[in-house]
């Protein structure tokens, strides 16, 4: 549809500027040291967005066919997406590390599980696309499967933040939750778009319209969280109440993977037996001495 193409094209023109705004806001808020992977992700998105925008408008400057322009866009898009998926993996890990800092035992266990889930996602994505023979379709299929797996991880992060943020001493005003909210919004749109892109590969399809619309909204959400001053309580080290059940679970998680100390039960039992015998002998000697006197 003509209106879809015009709207998608207009959104692609706006996206790099909002991406740059979110990146500047992140640097201004000092997130380069606090969340370096997220800062890298925003930088990568900005650079790839500029390149993709140049490809979309390449026909205005050179004589390139529509087919070559489309395939150039697809290859650059999926290459940038693979690099972005790696950045998202480390960005999610950064958020989880900071959120779980009050409970290092659960933090270590959660990171271990998260890394195995990431490896399994890559294996599943490649395995699902292996039956495809053509290189172009193989790249698209692997990218689509990876998009689904990455989206599920991001949605799980958002759900975990929504359920556990207050229990771990944080609130919805924290930058961590804002970043997770943005990733969750993008993940929801990517799940919908990945289902639509299987049938319609056109650049100006409905799937790409959904992706662009939610991407614009995500950058606006991130810019608002980064520009607005974060409460001081959100930056300080989080503390848990003594009655929190997470403390008990944290102790259990710390014990996992560590061998328990061994106790010499036999030696202790023998020592106790000798002490009892000594007490009995002392009593007998005491009675005999009293009887003699």
Protein backbone atom coordinates (compact mmCIF):
# COMPACT_ATOMS: atom_id res chain seq x y z
CA UNK A 1 0.00 0.00 0.00
CA UNK A 2 1.22 3.48 -0.87
CA UNK A 3 0.46 5.00 2.52
CA UNK A 4 2.44 2.24 4.24
CA UNK A 5 5.50 2.94 2.11
CA UNK A 6 5.31 6.68 2.77
CA UNK A 7 4.85 6.21 6.51
CA UNK A 8 7.70 3.70 6.83
CA UNK A 9 9.98 5.96 4.80
CA UNK A 10 9.11 8.92 7.01
CA UNK A 11 9.79 6.93 10.18
CA UNK A 12 13.15 5.74 8.86
CA UNK A 13 14.13 9.38 8.34
CA UNK A 14 13.23 10.22 11.95
CA UNK A 15 14.75 7.10 13.58
CA UNK A 16 18.48 8.05 13.38
CA UNK A 17 17.80 11.46 14.94
CA UNK A 18 15.87 9.98 17.87
CA UNK A 19 18.56 7.31 18.21
CA UNK A 20 21.19 10.07 18.39
CA UNK A 21 19.08 11.89 20.98
CA UNK A 22 18.92 8.76 23.16
CA UNK A 23 22.69 8.24 22.77
CA UNK A 24 23.46 11.83 23.78
CA UNK A 25 21.10 11.51 26.76
CA UNK A 26 22.83 8.27 27.83
CA UNK A 27 26.28 9.87 27.63
CA UNK A 28 25.02 12.91 29.52
CA UNK A 29 23.65 10.67 32.27
CA UNK A 30 27.02 8.92 32.64
CA UNK A 31 25.81 5.55 31.40
CA UNK A 32 29.01 4.95 29.43
CA UNK A 33 30.68 3.74 32.64
CA UNK A 34 27.63 2.32 34.33
CA UNK A 35 26.21 0.43 31.32
CA UNK A 36 28.91 0.33 28.59
CA UNK A 37 27.15 -2.41 26.59
CA UNK A 38 23.97 -0.36 26.35
CA UNK A 39 25.93 2.70 25.23
CA UNK A 40 27.67 0.56 22.61
CA UNK A 41 24.28 -0.79 21.46
CA UNK A 42 22.90 2.72 20.96
CA UNK A 43 26.04 3.73 19.04
CA UNK A 44 25.79 0.66 16.83
CA UNK A 45 22.11 1.31 16.17
CA UNK A 46 22.87 4.89 15.19
CA UNK A 47 25.66 3.97 12.77
CA UNK A 48 23.68 1.13 11.19
CA UNK A 49 20.62 3.38 10.93
CA UNK A 50 22.60 6.00 9.02
CA UNK A 51 23.99 3.35 6.64
CA UNK A 52 20.55 1.82 6.06
CA UNK A 53 19.07 5.24 5.44
CA UNK A 54 21.79 5.86 2.85
CA UNK A 55 20.93 2.59 1.11
CA UNK A 56 17.23 3.49 1.00
CA UNK A 57 18.05 6.76 -0.72
CA UNK A 58 20.84 5.42 -2.92
CA UNK A 59 18.69 5.48 -6.05
CA UNK A 60 18.63 9.28 -5.86
CA UNK A 61 22.40 9.45 -6.35
CA UNK A 62 23.32 6.36 -8.38
CA UNK A 63 21.68 4.16 -10.99
CA UNK A 64 20.95 1.09 -8.86
CA UNK A 65 18.22 -1.40 -9.53
CA UNK A 66 15.40 -1.91 -7.05
CA UNK A 67 16.42 -5.55 -6.56
CA UNK A 68 20.05 -4.69 -5.75
CA UNK A 69 18.93 -1.95 -3.39
CA UNK A 70 16.59 -4.33 -1.59
CA UNK A 71 19.19 -7.06 -1.15
CA UNK A 72 21.82 -4.55 -0.02
CA UNK A 73 19.40 -3.32 2.63
CA UNK A 74 18.59 -6.87 3.75
CA UNK A 75 22.25 -7.93 4.10
CA UNK A 76 23.27 -4.78 5.97
CA UNK A 77 20.17 -4.92 8.16
CA UNK A 78 20.70 -8.52 9.29
CA UNK A 79 24.45 -8.07 9.75
CA UNK A 80 23.78 -5.09 12.00
CA UNK A 81 21.07 -7.04 13.78
CA UNK A 82 23.44 -9.94 14.57
CA UNK A 83 25.95 -7.48 16.06
CA UNK A 84 23.12 -5.76 17.94
CA UNK A 85 21.90 -9.10 19.33
CA UNK A 86 25.34 -9.69 20.85
CA UNK A 87 25.26 -6.18 22.36
CA UNK A 88 21.75 -6.85 23.73
CA UNK A 89 23.04 -10.05 25.36
CA UNK A 90 25.67 -8.10 27.30
CA UNK A 91 23.28 -5.21 27.97
CA UNK A 92 20.73 -7.54 29.57
CA UNK A 93 23.55 -9.08 31.60
CA UNK A 94 24.56 -5.61 32.84
CA UNK A 95 21.03 -4.81 33.96
CA UNK A 96 20.67 -8.16 35.71
CA UNK A 97 24.05 -7.75 37.46
CA UNK A 98 23.18 -4.35 38.87
CA UNK A 99 19.66 -5.34 39.88
CA UNK A 100 20.86 -8.49 41.66
CA UNK A 101 23.86 -6.86 43.36
CA UNK A 102 22.24 -7.18 46.86
CA UNK A 103 22.11 -10.98 46.43
CA UNK A 104 25.43 -12.08 44.84
CA UNK A 105 24.62 -15.78 45.18
CA UNK A 106 21.45 -15.49 43.10
CA UNK A 107 23.29 -13.11 40.78
CA UNK A 108 25.97 -15.70 40.00
CA UNK A 109 23.41 -18.47 39.51
CA UNK A 110 21.21 -16.29 37.28
CA UNK A 111 24.10 -15.20 35.05
CA UNK A 112 25.14 -18.83 34.61
CA UNK A 113 21.63 -19.81 33.52
CA UNK A 114 21.34 -16.74 31.29
CA UNK A 115 24.55 -17.57 29.41
CA UNK A 116 23.43 -21.12 28.74
CA UNK A 117 20.08 -19.81 27.48
CA UNK A 118 21.95 -17.46 25.12
CA UNK A 119 24.05 -20.32 23.73
CA UNK A 120 20.94 -22.48 23.30
CA UNK A 121 19.18 -19.63 21.46
CA UNK A 122 22.00 -19.35 18.91
CA UNK A 123 22.07 -23.13 18.36
CA UNK A 124 18.29 -23.27 17.90
CA UNK A 125 18.33 -20.34 15.47
CA UNK A 126 21.03 -21.89 13.27
CA UNK A 127 19.53 -25.39 13.48
CA UNK A 128 16.07 -24.18 12.43
CA UNK A 129 17.52 -22.48 9.34
CA UNK A 130 19.93 -25.19 8.14
CA UNK A 131 17.46 -26.94 5.78
CA UNK A 132 17.41 -23.77 3.63
CA UNK A 133 19.89 -23.92 0.72
CA UNK A 134 20.02 -20.39 -0.71
CA UNK A 135 22.38 -18.02 1.09
CA UNK A 136 20.04 -15.04 1.00
CA UNK A 137 17.11 -16.98 2.44
CA UNK A 138 19.43 -18.68 4.94
CA UNK A 139 20.57 -15.33 6.31
CA UNK A 140 16.99 -14.09 6.59
CA UNK A 141 15.82 -17.32 8.23
CA UNK A 142 18.63 -17.33 10.82
CA UNK A 143 17.98 -13.67 11.53
CA UNK A 144 14.25 -14.25 11.95
CA UNK A 145 14.80 -17.18 14.33
CA UNK A 146 17.39 -15.21 16.31
CA UNK A 147 14.99 -12.28 16.47
CA UNK A 148 12.39 -14.53 18.10
CA UNK A 149 14.85 -15.95 20.63
CA UNK A 150 16.28 -12.53 21.49
CA UNK A 151 12.79 -11.11 21.83
CA UNK A 152 11.81 -13.84 24.28
CA UNK A 153 14.92 -13.11 26.40
CA UNK A 154 14.09 -9.38 26.42
CA UNK A 155 10.47 -10.02 27.36
CA UNK A 156 11.62 -12.30 30.19
CA UNK A 157 13.88 -9.49 31.41
CA UNK A 158 10.99 -7.03 31.40
CA UNK A 159 8.74 -9.47 33.25
CA UNK A 160 11.46 -10.13 35.82
CA UNK A 161 12.03 -6.40 36.32
CA UNK A 162 8.31 -5.75 36.77
CA UNK A 163 7.97 -8.53 39.36
CA UNK A 164 11.23 -8.18 41.30
CA UNK A 165 12.24 -4.52 41.05
CA UNK A 166 10.54 -3.52 44.33
CA UNK A 167 11.69 -6.65 46.17
CA UNK A 168 15.30 -5.80 45.29
CA UNK A 169 15.12 -2.22 46.54
CA UNK A 170 14.47 -0.45 43.22
CA UNK A 171 11.45 1.24 41.60
CA UNK A 172 9.94 1.88 38.19
CA UNK A 173 11.73 5.25 38.09
CA UNK A 174 15.15 3.62 37.89
CA UNK A 175 17.13 3.76 34.65
CA UNK A 176 17.41 -0.03 34.78
CA UNK A 177 13.67 -0.44 34.48
CA UNK A 178 13.51 2.18 31.71
CA UNK A 179 16.09 0.29 29.66
CA UNK A 180 14.29 -3.00 30.26
CA UNK A 181 10.98 -1.39 29.29
CA UNK A 182 12.45 -0.21 25.99
CA UNK A 183 13.89 -3.63 25.22
CA UNK A 184 10.56 -5.22 26.08
CA UNK A 185 8.67 -2.88 23.76
CA UNK A 186 11.04 -3.67 20.91
CA UNK A 187 10.85 -7.38 21.67
CA UNK A 188 7.06 -7.41 21.43
CA UNK A 189 7.12 -5.66 18.07
CA UNK A 190 9.87 -7.97 16.79
CA UNK A 191 7.85 -11.07 17.64
CA UNK A 192 4.93 -9.71 15.66
CA UNK A 193 7.12 -8.47 12.81
CA UNK A 194 9.07 -11.74 12.55
CA UNK A 195 5.79 -13.59 11.96
CA UNK A 196 4.76 -11.09 9.29
CA UNK A 197 8.16 -10.95 7.59
CA UNK A 198 8.02 -14.67 6.89
CA UNK A 199 5.28 -14.01 4.31
CA UNK A 200 6.14 -10.47 3.21
CA UNK A 201 9.82 -9.58 2.63
CA UNK A 202 9.16 -6.12 1.15
CA UNK A 203 10.95 -3.15 2.71
CA UNK A 204 7.68 -1.26 3.18
CA UNK A 205 5.59 -4.11 4.54
CA UNK A 206 3.29 -3.97 7.54
CA UNK A 207 5.87 -5.83 9.62
CA UNK A 208 8.48 -3.13 9.03
CA UNK A 209 5.89 -0.47 9.79
CA UNK A 210 5.27 -2.02 13.21
CA UNK A 211 9.00 -2.30 13.83
CA UNK A 212 9.67 1.32 12.93
CA UNK A 213 6.75 2.66 14.95
CA UNK A 214 7.74 0.83 18.13
CA UNK A 215 11.41 1.68 17.57
CA UNK A 216 10.55 5.39 17.50
CA UNK A 217 8.53 4.97 20.70
CA UNK A 218 11.41 3.05 22.33
CA UNK A 219 13.96 5.79 21.61
CA UNK A 220 11.57 8.38 23.00
CA UNK A 221 11.11 6.30 26.17
CA UNK A 222 14.86 5.88 26.62
CA UNK A 223 15.51 9.58 26.04
CA UNK A 224 12.94 10.47 28.71
CA UNK A 225 14.49 8.08 31.25
CA UNK A 226 18.03 9.27 30.47
CA UNK A 227 17.27 13.00 30.49
CA UNK A 228 15.10 13.02 33.63
CA UNK A 229 17.17 13.02 36.85
CA UNK A 230 17.25 9.61 38.48
CA UNK A 231 16.40 9.61 42.22
CA UNK A 232 19.46 9.36 44.45
CA UNK A 233 18.06 6.25 46.12
CA UNK A 234 18.18 4.42 42.79
CA UNK A 235 21.92 5.07 42.41
CA UNK A 236 22.88 4.05 45.94
CA UNK A 237 23.56 0.45 46.90
CA UNK A 238 20.29 -1.38 47.43
CA UNK A 239 19.61 -3.01 50.80
CA UNK A 240 17.20 -5.78 51.70
CA UNK A 241 15.20 -6.12 54.92
CA UNK A 242 16.33 -8.86 57.28
CA UNK A 243 13.00 -10.66 56.85
CA UNK A 244 13.34 -10.84 53.05
CA UNK A 245 13.15 -14.45 51.79
CA UNK A 246 15.67 -13.51 49.11
CA UNK A 247 18.41 -13.54 51.76
CA UNK A 248 17.71 -17.20 52.52
CA UNK A 249 17.60 -18.07 48.81
CA UNK A 250 20.83 -16.15 48.34
CA UNK A 251 22.55 -18.30 50.99
CA UNK A 252 21.29 -21.44 49.27
CA UNK A 253 22.53 -20.18 45.90
CA UNK A 254 25.94 -19.42 47.42
CA UNK A 255 26.18 -23.00 48.68
CA UNK A 256 25.49 -24.44 45.21
CA UNK A 257 28.65 -25.49 43.47
CA UNK A 258 30.76 -25.51 46.64
CA UNK A 259 31.72 -28.68 48.49
CA UNK A 260 30.50 -28.89 52.08
CA UNK A 261 33.10 -29.24 54.87
CA UNK A 262 33.69 -32.80 56.06
CA UNK A 263 33.23 -33.76 59.73
CA UNK A 264 35.17 -36.58 61.37
CA UNK A 265 32.18 -38.19 63.01
CA UNK A 266 34.05 -41.31 64.11
CA UNK A 267 36.81 -39.37 65.90
CA UNK A 268 34.33 -37.20 67.78
CA UNK A 269 32.27 -40.20 68.86
CA UNK A 270 35.39 -41.94 70.17
CA UNK A 271 36.40 -38.84 72.15
CA UNK A 272 32.94 -38.59 73.69
CA UNK A 273 33.06 -42.30 74.65
CA UNK A 274 36.42 -41.92 76.42
CA UNK A 275 35.14 -38.90 78.33
CA UNK A 276 32.12 -40.88 79.54
CA UNK A 277 34.33 -43.77 80.68
CA UNK A 278 36.57 -41.36 82.56
CA UNK A 279 33.58 -39.84 84.37
CA UNK A 280 32.33 -43.31 85.42
CA UNK A 281 35.76 -44.27 86.75
CA UNK A 282 35.97 -41.02 88.75
CA UNK A 283 32.58 -41.71 90.33
CA UNK A 284 33.60 -45.27 91.33
CA UNK A 285 36.86 -44.07 92.85
CA UNK A 286 35.05 -41.36 94.76
CA UNK A 287 32.54 -43.84 96.23
CA UNK A 288 35.32 -46.27 97.23
CA UNK A 289 37.30 -43.56 98.97
CA UNK A 290 34.21 -42.49 100.94
CA UNK A 291 33.49 -46.09 101.94
CA UNK A 292 37.03 -46.67 103.20
CA UNK A 293 37.04 -43.53 105.26
